[in-house]
């Protein structure tokens, strides 16, 4: 068994307090039904928003269920009735679900469905994508 001295414990607490003071602490979270976003507000006045229904486990949730979001300590978000948890840092890094979910989301726009192929061919027959209009700056 490892013994920790009072001095070591005091040093660890000081390191924790120093680290904690250097990162923004979430003070509130809410679901904004008009925009469909989860809004996390921090003690330093900053805010972070994420589209709620883009998160794995929340796509089919009702506005009422999404409104049940609560802070999970200082690092996460929690929906009790949906049994869904997310880390705030993960969301801020663009992690909206498991690797499988994220890969499926990424591939979604790259699908080669017959309808997508036909639309691409029809667009190509018309001369392809229109060029961007030149802007004078």
C-alpha atoms as a PDB file:
ATOM      1  CA  UNK A   1       0.000   0.000   0.000  1.00  0.00           C
ATOM      2  CA  UNK A   2       1.319   3.437  -0.939  1.00  0.00           C
ATOM      3  CA  UNK A   3       1.397   6.041   1.807  1.00  0.00           C
ATOM      4  CA  UNK A   4       0.720   9.657   0.887  1.00  0.00           C
ATOM      5  CA  UNK A   5       2.054  12.305   3.195  1.00  0.00           C
ATOM      6  CA  UNK A   6       0.140  15.417   4.188  1.00  0.00           C
ATOM      7  CA  UNK A   7       2.695  17.500   2.272  1.00  0.00           C
ATOM      8  CA  UNK A   8       2.159  15.443  -0.913  1.00  0.00           C
ATOM      9  CA  UNK A   9      -1.603  15.765  -0.555  1.00  0.00           C
ATOM     10  CA  UNK A  10      -1.314  19.540  -0.082  1.00  0.00           C
ATOM     11  CA  UNK A  11       0.894  19.788  -3.198  1.00  0.00           C
ATOM     12  CA  UNK A  12      -1.612  17.743  -5.232  1.00  0.00           C
ATOM     13  CA  UNK A  13      -4.486  19.990  -4.103  1.00  0.00           C
ATOM     14  CA  UNK A  14      -2.479  23.079  -5.039  1.00  0.00           C
ATOM     15  CA  UNK A  15      -1.744  21.634  -8.512  1.00  0.00           C
ATOM     16  CA  UNK A  16      -5.462  20.860  -8.950  1.00  0.00           C
ATOM     17  CA  UNK A  17      -6.514  24.366  -7.898  1.00  0.00           C
ATOM     18  CA  UNK A  18      -3.944  25.909 -10.258  1.00  0.00           C
ATOM     19  CA  UNK A  19      -5.066  23.760 -13.201  1.00  0.00           C
ATOM     20  CA  UNK A  20      -8.740  24.388 -12.446  1.00  0.00           C
ATOM     21  CA  UNK A  21      -8.206  28.164 -12.371  1.00  0.00           C
ATOM     22  CA  UNK A  22      -6.675  28.039 -15.867  1.00  0.00           C
ATOM     23  CA  UNK A  23      -9.656  26.479 -17.632  1.00  0.00           C
ATOM     24  CA  UNK A  24     -13.117  27.891 -18.146  1.00  0.00           C
ATOM     25  CA  UNK A  25     -15.660  26.380 -15.782  1.00  0.00           C
ATOM     26  CA  UNK A  26     -19.175  25.667 -17.018  1.00  0.00           C
ATOM     27  CA  UNK A  27     -21.818  27.414 -14.931  1.00  0.00           C
ATOM     28  CA  UNK A  28     -24.989  26.515 -16.828  1.00  0.00           C
ATOM     29  CA  UNK A  29     -26.396  24.428 -19.661  1.00  0.00           C
ATOM     30  CA  UNK A  30     -29.708  24.606 -21.472  1.00  0.00           C
ATOM     31  CA  UNK A  31     -31.441  23.467 -24.620  1.00  0.00           C
ATOM     32  CA  UNK A  32     -32.544  26.302 -26.915  1.00  0.00           C
ATOM     33  CA  UNK A  33     -35.559  24.952 -28.838  1.00  0.00           C
ATOM     34  CA  UNK A  34     -35.605  27.842 -31.346  1.00  0.00           C
ATOM     35  CA  UNK A  35     -32.122  26.960 -32.644  1.00  0.00           C
ATOM     36  CA  UNK A  36     -32.105  23.264 -31.713  1.00  0.00           C
ATOM     37  CA  UNK A  37     -28.803  23.725 -29.872  1.00  0.00           C
ATOM     38  CA  UNK A  38     -27.390  22.850 -26.487  1.00  0.00           C
ATOM     39  CA  UNK A  39     -25.827  25.986 -24.975  1.00  0.00           C
ATOM     40  CA  UNK A  40     -23.088  25.727 -22.337  1.00  0.00           C
ATOM     41  CA  UNK A  41     -22.154  28.963 -20.598  1.00  0.00           C
ATOM     42  CA  UNK A  42     -18.860  29.415 -18.754  1.00  0.00           C
ATOM     43  CA  UNK A  43     -17.824  31.509 -15.750  1.00  0.00           C
ATOM     44  CA  UNK A  44     -15.574  33.662 -17.953  1.00  0.00           C
ATOM     45  CA  UNK A  45     -18.545  34.801 -20.076  1.00  0.00           C
ATOM     46  CA  UNK A  46     -17.855  32.478 -23.020  1.00  0.00           C
ATOM     47  CA  UNK A  47     -20.483  30.130 -24.393  1.00  0.00           C
ATOM     48  CA  UNK A  48     -20.412  27.009 -26.567  1.00  0.00           C
ATOM     49  CA  UNK A  49     -23.280  25.728 -28.704  1.00  0.00           C
ATOM     50  CA  UNK A  50     -23.727  22.344 -30.348  1.00  0.00           C
ATOM     51  CA  UNK A  51     -26.605  21.092 -32.520  1.00  0.00           C
ATOM     52  CA  UNK A  52     -28.437  18.736 -30.163  1.00  0.00           C
ATOM     53  CA  UNK A  53     -29.828  16.303 -32.703  1.00  0.00           C
ATOM     54  CA  UNK A  54     -26.398  15.807 -34.296  1.00  0.00           C
ATOM     55  CA  UNK A  55     -25.300  13.960 -31.164  1.00  0.00           C
ATOM     56  CA  UNK A  56     -25.528  10.201 -30.985  1.00  0.00           C
ATOM     57  CA  UNK A  57     -28.441   9.244 -28.753  1.00  0.00           C
ATOM     58  CA  UNK A  58     -30.241  12.580 -29.149  1.00  0.00           C
ATOM     59  CA  UNK A  59     -31.362  12.504 -32.802  1.00  0.00           C
ATOM     60  CA  UNK A  60     -34.888  11.290 -31.993  1.00  0.00           C
ATOM     61  CA  UNK A  61     -35.260  13.095 -28.653  1.00  0.00           C
ATOM     62  CA  UNK A  62     -38.154  15.461 -28.065  1.00  0.00           C
ATOM     63  CA  UNK A  63     -37.608  19.094 -27.125  1.00  0.00           C
ATOM     64  CA  UNK A  64     -38.825  18.201 -23.632  1.00  0.00           C
ATOM     65  CA  UNK A  65     -36.235  15.430 -23.299  1.00  0.00           C
ATOM     66  CA  UNK A  66     -33.457  17.672 -24.628  1.00  0.00           C
ATOM     67  CA  UNK A  67     -34.452  20.335 -22.097  1.00  0.00           C
ATOM     68  CA  UNK A  68     -33.608  17.911 -19.278  1.00  0.00           C
ATOM     69  CA  UNK A  69     -29.870  18.450 -19.881  1.00  0.00           C
ATOM     70  CA  UNK A  70     -27.806  19.117 -16.783  1.00  0.00           C
ATOM     71  CA  UNK A  71     -24.175  19.691 -15.929  1.00  0.00           C
ATOM     72  CA  UNK A  72     -22.315  16.571 -14.866  1.00  0.00           C
ATOM     73  CA  UNK A  73     -19.756  18.041 -12.473  1.00  0.00           C
ATOM     74  CA  UNK A  74     -17.472  20.518 -14.198  1.00  0.00           C
ATOM     75  CA  UNK A  75     -16.711  18.392 -17.226  1.00  0.00           C
ATOM     76  CA  UNK A  76     -19.836  16.849 -18.706  1.00  0.00           C
ATOM     77  CA  UNK A  77     -23.460  16.981 -19.797  1.00  0.00           C
ATOM     78  CA  UNK A  78     -26.106  14.459 -18.754  1.00  0.00           C
ATOM     79  CA  UNK A  79     -29.623  13.510 -19.863  1.00  0.00           C
ATOM     80  CA  UNK A  80     -31.097  11.223 -17.195  1.00  0.00           C
ATOM     81  CA  UNK A  81     -34.198  10.016 -19.077  1.00  0.00           C
ATOM     82  CA  UNK A  82     -32.163   9.295 -22.218  1.00  0.00           C
ATOM     83  CA  UNK A  83     -29.195   7.787 -20.350  1.00  0.00           C
ATOM     84  CA  UNK A  84     -26.814   9.922 -22.436  1.00  0.00           C
ATOM     85  CA  UNK A  85     -23.609  11.612 -21.260  1.00  0.00           C
ATOM     86  CA  UNK A  86     -21.076  13.756 -23.114  1.00  0.00           C
ATOM     87  CA  UNK A  87     -17.850  15.419 -22.057  1.00  0.00           C
ATOM     88  CA  UNK A  88     -17.792  19.140 -22.767  1.00  0.00           C
ATOM     89  CA  UNK A  89     -14.208  18.956 -24.017  1.00  0.00           C
ATOM     90  CA  UNK A  90     -15.174  16.125 -26.384  1.00  0.00           C
ATOM     91  CA  UNK A  91     -18.040  18.143 -27.829  1.00  0.00           C
ATOM     92  CA  UNK A  92     -15.775  21.157 -28.220  1.00  0.00           C
ATOM     93  CA  UNK A  93     -13.366  18.890 -30.127  1.00  0.00           C
ATOM     94  CA  UNK A  94     -16.154  17.798 -32.482  1.00  0.00           C
ATOM     95  CA  UNK A  95     -16.747  14.358 -30.979  1.00  0.00           C
ATOM     96  CA  UNK A  96     -20.494  13.854 -31.334  1.00  0.00           C
ATOM     97  CA  UNK A  97     -20.608  10.110 -30.646  1.00  0.00           C
ATOM     98  CA  UNK A  98     -18.797   6.801 -30.915  1.00  0.00           C
ATOM     99  CA  UNK A  99     -16.234   6.150 -33.631  1.00  0.00           C
ATOM    100  CA  UNK A 100     -18.762   4.046 -35.532  1.00  0.00           C
ATOM    101  CA  UNK A 101     -21.348   6.853 -35.355  1.00  0.00           C
ATOM    102  CA  UNK A 102     -18.838   9.519 -36.380  1.00  0.00           C
ATOM    103  CA  UNK A 103     -17.605   7.414 -39.322  1.00  0.00           C
ATOM    104  CA  UNK A 104     -21.194   6.836 -40.491  1.00  0.00           C
ATOM    105  CA  UNK A 105     -21.859  10.594 -40.280  1.00  0.00           C
ATOM    106  CA  UNK A 106     -18.711  11.327 -42.300  1.00  0.00           C
ATOM    107  CA  UNK A 107     -19.594   8.754 -44.953  1.00  0.00           C
ATOM    108  CA  UNK A 108     -23.182   9.980 -45.198  1.00  0.00           C
ATOM    109  CA  UNK A 109     -22.282  12.786 -47.569  1.00  0.00           C
ATOM    110  CA  UNK A 110     -20.093  10.475 -49.617  1.00  0.00           C
ATOM    111  CA  UNK A 111     -22.755   7.855 -50.275  1.00  0.00           C
ATOM    112  CA  UNK A 112     -23.080   6.531 -53.802  1.00  0.00           C
ATOM    113  CA  UNK A 113     -26.835   5.957 -53.917  1.00  0.00           C
ATOM    114  CA  UNK A 114     -28.474   5.608 -57.347  1.00  0.00           C
ATOM    115  CA  UNK A 115     -30.351   8.881 -56.763  1.00  0.00           C
ATOM    116  CA  UNK A 116     -27.135  10.729 -55.917  1.00  0.00           C
ATOM    117  CA  UNK A 117     -25.352   9.311 -58.971  1.00  0.00           C
ATOM    118  CA  UNK A 118     -28.252  10.293 -61.250  1.00  0.00           C
ATOM    119  CA  UNK A 119     -28.348  13.832 -59.807  1.00  0.00           C
ATOM    120  CA  UNK A 120     -24.600  14.185 -60.305  1.00  0.00           C
ATOM    121  CA  UNK A 121     -24.851  13.042 -63.926  1.00  0.00           C
ATOM    122  CA  UNK A 122     -27.762  15.405 -64.605  1.00  0.00           C
ATOM    123  CA  UNK A 123     -25.812  18.299 -63.097  1.00  0.00           C
ATOM    124  CA  UNK A 124     -22.774  17.377 -65.199  1.00  0.00           C
ATOM    125  CA  UNK A 125     -24.894  17.340 -68.359  1.00  0.00           C
ATOM    126  CA  UNK A 126     -25.873  20.944 -67.576  1.00  0.00           C
ATOM    127  CA  UNK A 127     -22.249  21.999 -67.421  1.00  0.00           C
ATOM    128  CA  UNK A 128     -21.464  21.060 -63.830  1.00  0.00           C
ATOM    129  CA  UNK A 129     -21.400  23.195 -60.739  1.00  0.00           C
ATOM    130  CA  UNK A 130     -21.781  26.915 -61.440  1.00  0.00           C
ATOM    131  CA  UNK A 131     -18.668  28.978 -60.895  1.00  0.00           C
ATOM    132  CA  UNK A 132     -18.554  31.262 -57.896  1.00  0.00           C
ATOM    133  CA  UNK A 133     -19.302  34.878 -58.675  1.00  0.00           C
ATOM    134  CA  UNK A 134     -16.238  37.096 -58.564  1.00  0.00           C
ATOM    135  CA  UNK A 135     -16.227  39.503 -55.653  1.00  0.00           C
ATOM    136  CA  UNK A 136     -14.453  42.810 -55.635  1.00  0.00           C
ATOM    137  CA  UNK A 137     -12.621  43.494 -52.392  1.00  0.00           C
END
